[in-house]
Amino acid sequence: FFEGKELRLKQEYFVVAATLQDIIRRFKASKFGSTEFVRLDLSKMPDKVAIQLNDTHPALAIPELMRILVDIEKLDWEKAWDIVIRTCAYTNHTVLPEALERWPVDLFQNLLPRHLEIIYEINRRHLEVRGVL
């Protein structure tokens, strides 16, 4: 069972990471009709890109996009988060607990430690805004 969960998380991360890298590569390379301008301003990405997350499977796209924008593209957290929330949309097709993916924290920590940090930071900021912290 554990090996199956580990493989599933690796597979989901691979698909999400490859897709996001391709989206960003295409956005940067596109000229949108112009023969001179190449887009490097990622803040304009939500004007041209929409990422629809259906159920929990592609939900890793949020921390992965944050990782790319903050760690690779060197955007500050607020600017990166603004891009993420304007680019990503989420649809949940079921509320049954057995249909929702859950990952053991130790597995997530071992495979995707930076993503877990990002998830914790998203949660901290969310709770802070809500007055819980």
C-alpha atoms as a PDB file:
ATOM      1  CA  PHE A   1       0.000   0.000   0.000  1.00  0.00           C
ATOM      2  CA  PHE A   2       2.689   2.526   0.974  1.00  0.00           C
ATOM      3  CA  GLU A   3       4.666   1.816  -2.206  1.00  0.00           C
ATOM      4  CA  GLY A   4       1.510   2.335  -4.248  1.00  0.00           C
ATOM      5  CA  LYS A   5       0.803   5.688  -2.590  1.00  0.00           C
ATOM      6  CA  GLU A   6       4.407   6.758  -3.105  1.00  0.00           C
ATOM      7  CA  LEU A   7       4.281   5.819  -6.791  1.00  0.00           C
ATOM      8  CA  ARG A   8       0.941   7.616  -7.214  1.00  0.00           C
ATOM      9  CA  LEU A   9       2.306  10.818  -5.649  1.00  0.00           C
ATOM     10  CA  LYS A  10       5.399  10.660  -7.871  1.00  0.00           C
ATOM     11  CA  GLN A  11       3.216  10.162 -10.948  1.00  0.00           C
ATOM     12  CA  GLU A  12       0.912  13.029 -10.064  1.00  0.00           C
ATOM     13  CA  TYR A  13       3.824  15.339  -9.378  1.00  0.00           C
ATOM     14  CA  PHE A  14       5.518  14.389 -12.654  1.00  0.00           C
ATOM     15  CA  VAL A  15       2.412  15.180 -14.708  1.00  0.00           C
ATOM     16  CA  VAL A  16       1.747  18.458 -12.864  1.00  0.00           C
ATOM     17  CA  ALA A  17       5.381  19.631 -13.040  1.00  0.00           C
ATOM     18  CA  ALA A  18       5.748  18.798 -16.725  1.00  0.00           C
ATOM     19  CA  THR A  19       2.457  20.494 -17.580  1.00  0.00           C
ATOM     20  CA  LEU A  20       3.282  23.684 -15.681  1.00  0.00           C
ATOM     21  CA  GLN A  21       6.755  23.903 -17.177  1.00  0.00           C
ATOM     22  CA  ASP A  22       5.215  23.557 -20.632  1.00  0.00           C
ATOM     23  CA  ILE A  23       2.557  26.191 -19.889  1.00  0.00           C
ATOM     24  CA  ILE A  24       5.168  28.685 -18.706  1.00  0.00           C
ATOM     25  CA  ARG A  25       7.516  27.890 -21.597  1.00  0.00           C
ATOM     26  CA  ARG A  26       4.701  28.419 -24.092  1.00  0.00           C
ATOM     27  CA  PHE A  27       3.572  31.636 -22.417  1.00  0.00           C
ATOM     28  CA  LYS A  28       7.102  33.057 -22.451  1.00  0.00           C
ATOM     29  CA  ALA A  29       7.635  32.055 -26.079  1.00  0.00           C
ATOM     30  CA  SER A  30       4.309  33.319 -27.374  1.00  0.00           C
ATOM     31  CA  LYS A  31       4.021  36.614 -29.140  1.00  0.00           C
ATOM     32  CA  PHE A  32       0.213  36.733 -29.261  1.00  0.00           C
ATOM     33  CA  GLY A  33       0.168  38.232 -32.731  1.00  0.00           C
ATOM     34  CA  SER A  34       3.115  40.567 -32.304  1.00  0.00           C
ATOM     35  CA  THR A  35       6.239  40.039 -34.361  1.00  0.00           C
ATOM     36  CA  GLU A  36       8.473  41.867 -31.893  1.00  0.00           C
ATOM     37  CA  PHE A  37       7.284  41.255 -28.348  1.00  0.00           C
ATOM     38  CA  VAL A  38       8.067  38.119 -26.382  1.00  0.00           C
ATOM     39  CA  ARG A  39       6.193  37.816 -23.081  1.00  0.00           C
ATOM     40  CA  LEU A  40       8.394  37.656 -20.036  1.00  0.00           C
ATOM     41  CA  ASP A  41       6.007  39.406 -17.643  1.00  0.00           C
ATOM     42  CA  LEU A  42       4.416  36.494 -15.836  1.00  0.00           C
ATOM     43  CA  SER A  43       1.900  38.782 -14.130  1.00  0.00           C
ATOM     44  CA  LYS A  44       0.080  38.820 -17.501  1.00  0.00           C
ATOM     45  CA  MET A  45      -0.159  35.018 -17.582  1.00  0.00           C
ATOM     46  CA  PRO A  46      -3.696  34.855 -16.076  1.00  0.00           C
ATOM     47  CA  ASP A  47      -4.896  36.966 -19.025  1.00  0.00           C
ATOM     48  CA  LYS A  48      -3.901  34.171 -21.414  1.00  0.00           C
ATOM     49  CA  VAL A  49      -3.777  30.993 -19.298  1.00  0.00           C
ATOM     50  CA  ALA A  50      -6.410  29.178 -17.245  1.00  0.00           C
ATOM     51  CA  ILE A  51      -5.652  26.013 -15.313  1.00  0.00           C
ATOM     52  CA  GLN A  52      -8.708  24.017 -14.277  1.00  0.00           C
ATOM     53  CA  LEU A  53      -8.084  21.578 -11.425  1.00  0.00           C
ATOM     54  CA  ASN A  54     -10.694  18.828 -11.358  1.00  0.00           C
ATOM     55  CA  ASP A  55     -10.883  16.988  -8.040  1.00  0.00           C
ATOM     56  CA  THR A  56      -7.829  16.477  -5.884  1.00  0.00           C
ATOM     57  CA  HIS A  57      -5.553  14.774  -8.425  1.00  0.00           C
ATOM     58  CA  PRO A  58      -4.018  17.904 -10.003  1.00  0.00           C
ATOM     59  CA  ALA A  59      -4.117  19.978  -6.797  1.00  0.00           C
ATOM     60  CA  LEU A  60      -0.314  19.783  -6.623  1.00  0.00           C
ATOM     61  CA  ALA A  61      -0.369  22.396  -9.372  1.00  0.00           C
ATOM     62  CA  ILE A  62      -0.862  25.146  -6.794  1.00  0.00           C
ATOM     63  CA  PRO A  63       2.277  24.546  -4.707  1.00  0.00           C
ATOM     64  CA  GLU A  64       4.237  23.624  -7.835  1.00  0.00           C
ATOM     65  CA  LEU A  65       3.283  26.859  -9.593  1.00  0.00           C
ATOM     66  CA  MET A  66       4.178  28.789  -6.435  1.00  0.00           C
ATOM     67  CA  ARG A  67       7.536  26.974  -6.314  1.00  0.00           C
ATOM     68  CA  ILE A  68       8.276  27.858  -9.931  1.00  0.00           C
ATOM     69  CA  LEU A  69       7.256  31.495  -9.520  1.00  0.00           C
ATOM     70  CA  VAL A  70       9.045  32.060  -6.190  1.00  0.00           C
ATOM     71  CA  ASP A  71      12.096  29.798  -6.434  1.00  0.00           C
ATOM     72  CA  ILE A  72      12.840  29.835 -10.161  1.00  0.00           C
ATOM     73  CA  GLU A  73      11.281  33.046 -11.471  1.00  0.00           C
ATOM     74  CA  LYS A  74      12.246  34.939  -8.270  1.00  0.00           C
ATOM     75  CA  LEU A  75       8.884  36.644  -7.764  1.00  0.00           C
ATOM     76  CA  ASP A  76       7.936  37.704  -4.268  1.00  0.00           C
ATOM     77  CA  TRP A  77       5.261  35.649  -2.526  1.00  0.00           C
ATOM     78  CA  GLU A  78       2.423  38.145  -2.984  1.00  0.00           C
ATOM     79  CA  LYS A  79       2.988  38.589  -6.709  1.00  0.00           C
ATOM     80  CA  ALA A  80       3.320  34.822  -7.216  1.00  0.00           C
ATOM     81  CA  TRP A  81       0.169  34.120  -5.179  1.00  0.00           C
ATOM     82  CA  ASP A  82      -1.776  36.700  -7.194  1.00  0.00           C
ATOM     83  CA  ILE A  83      -0.777  34.911 -10.405  1.00  0.00           C
ATOM     84  CA  VAL A  84      -1.712  31.516  -8.948  1.00  0.00           C
ATOM     85  CA  ILE A  85      -5.157  32.543  -7.719  1.00  0.00           C
ATOM     86  CA  ARG A  86      -5.971  34.298 -10.996  1.00  0.00           C
ATOM     87  CA  THR A  87      -4.719  31.359 -13.094  1.00  0.00           C
ATOM     88  CA  CYS A  88      -6.051  28.321 -11.208  1.00  0.00           C
ATOM     89  CA  ALA A  89      -9.646  27.274 -10.682  1.00  0.00           C
ATOM     90  CA  TYR A  90     -10.837  24.232  -8.743  1.00  0.00           C
ATOM     91  CA  THR A  91     -13.845  21.976  -9.179  1.00  0.00           C
ATOM     92  CA  ASN A  92     -14.654  19.208  -6.735  1.00  0.00           C
ATOM     93  CA  HIS A  93     -16.903  16.541  -8.209  1.00  0.00           C
ATOM     94  CA  THR A  94     -17.450  14.569  -5.032  1.00  0.00           C
ATOM     95  CA  VAL A  95     -17.485  15.138  -1.308  1.00  0.00           C
ATOM     96  CA  LEU A  96     -17.126  11.483  -0.371  1.00  0.00           C
ATOM     97  CA  PRO A  97     -14.048  11.106   1.841  1.00  0.00           C
ATOM     98  CA  GLU A  98     -12.958   7.901   0.107  1.00  0.00           C
ATOM     99  CA  ALA A  99     -12.773   9.757  -3.218  1.00  0.00           C
ATOM    100  CA  LEU A 100     -10.503  12.533  -1.922  1.00  0.00           C
ATOM    101  CA  GLU A 101      -6.775  11.923  -1.995  1.00  0.00           C
ATOM    102  CA  ARG A 102      -4.854  12.297   1.229  1.00  0.00           C
ATOM    103  CA  TRP A 103      -1.117  11.945   1.578  1.00  0.00           C
ATOM    104  CA  PRO A 104       0.768  10.987   4.729  1.00  0.00           C
ATOM    105  CA  VAL A 105       2.766  14.041   5.802  1.00  0.00           C
ATOM    106  CA  ASP A 106       5.973  12.019   6.154  1.00  0.00           C
ATOM    107  CA  LEU A 107       5.640  10.743   2.575  1.00  0.00           C
ATOM    108  CA  PHE A 108       5.017  14.267   1.307  1.00  0.00           C
ATOM    109  CA  GLN A 109       7.941  15.581   3.381  1.00  0.00           C
ATOM    110  CA  ASN A 110      10.297  12.945   1.940  1.00  0.00           C
ATOM    111  CA  LEU A 111       9.267  13.372  -1.690  1.00  0.00           C
ATOM    112  CA  LEU A 112       8.296  17.043  -1.924  1.00  0.00           C
ATOM    113  CA  PRO A 113       9.735  18.961   1.054  1.00  0.00           C
ATOM    114  CA  ARG A 114       9.634  22.372  -0.636  1.00  0.00           C
ATOM    115  CA  HIS A 115       6.016  21.855  -1.662  1.00  0.00           C
ATOM    116  CA  LEU A 116       5.087  20.976   1.904  1.00  0.00           C
ATOM    117  CA  GLU A 117       6.733  24.212   3.088  1.00  0.00           C
ATOM    118  CA  ILE A 118       4.693  26.122   0.519  1.00  0.00           C
ATOM    119  CA  ILE A 119       1.469  24.381   1.582  1.00  0.00           C
ATOM    120  CA  TYR A 120       2.169  25.219   5.225  1.00  0.00           C
ATOM    121  CA  GLU A 121       2.821  28.854   4.280  1.00  0.00           C
ATOM    122  CA  ILE A 122      -0.405  29.057   2.256  1.00  0.00           C
ATOM    123  CA  ASN A 123      -2.268  27.631   5.243  1.00  0.00           C
ATOM    124  CA  ARG A 124      -0.560  30.012   7.690  1.00  0.00           C
ATOM    125  CA  ARG A 125      -1.452  33.041   5.585  1.00  0.00           C
ATOM    126  CA  HIS A 126      -5.018  31.814   5.134  1.00  0.00           C
ATOM    127  CA  LEU A 127      -5.457  31.386   8.891  1.00  0.00           C
ATOM    128  CA  GLU A 128      -3.854  34.758   9.546  1.00  0.00           C
ATOM    129  CA  VAL A 129      -6.278  36.529   7.213  1.00  0.00           C
ATOM    130  CA  ARG A 130      -9.184  34.739   8.909  1.00  0.00           C
ATOM    131  CA  GLY A 131      -7.979  35.930  12.315  1.00  0.00           C
ATOM    132  CA  VAL A 132      -7.270  32.428  13.554  1.00  0.00           C
ATOM    133  CA  LEU A 133      -3.577  33.142  14.155  1.00  0.00           C
END
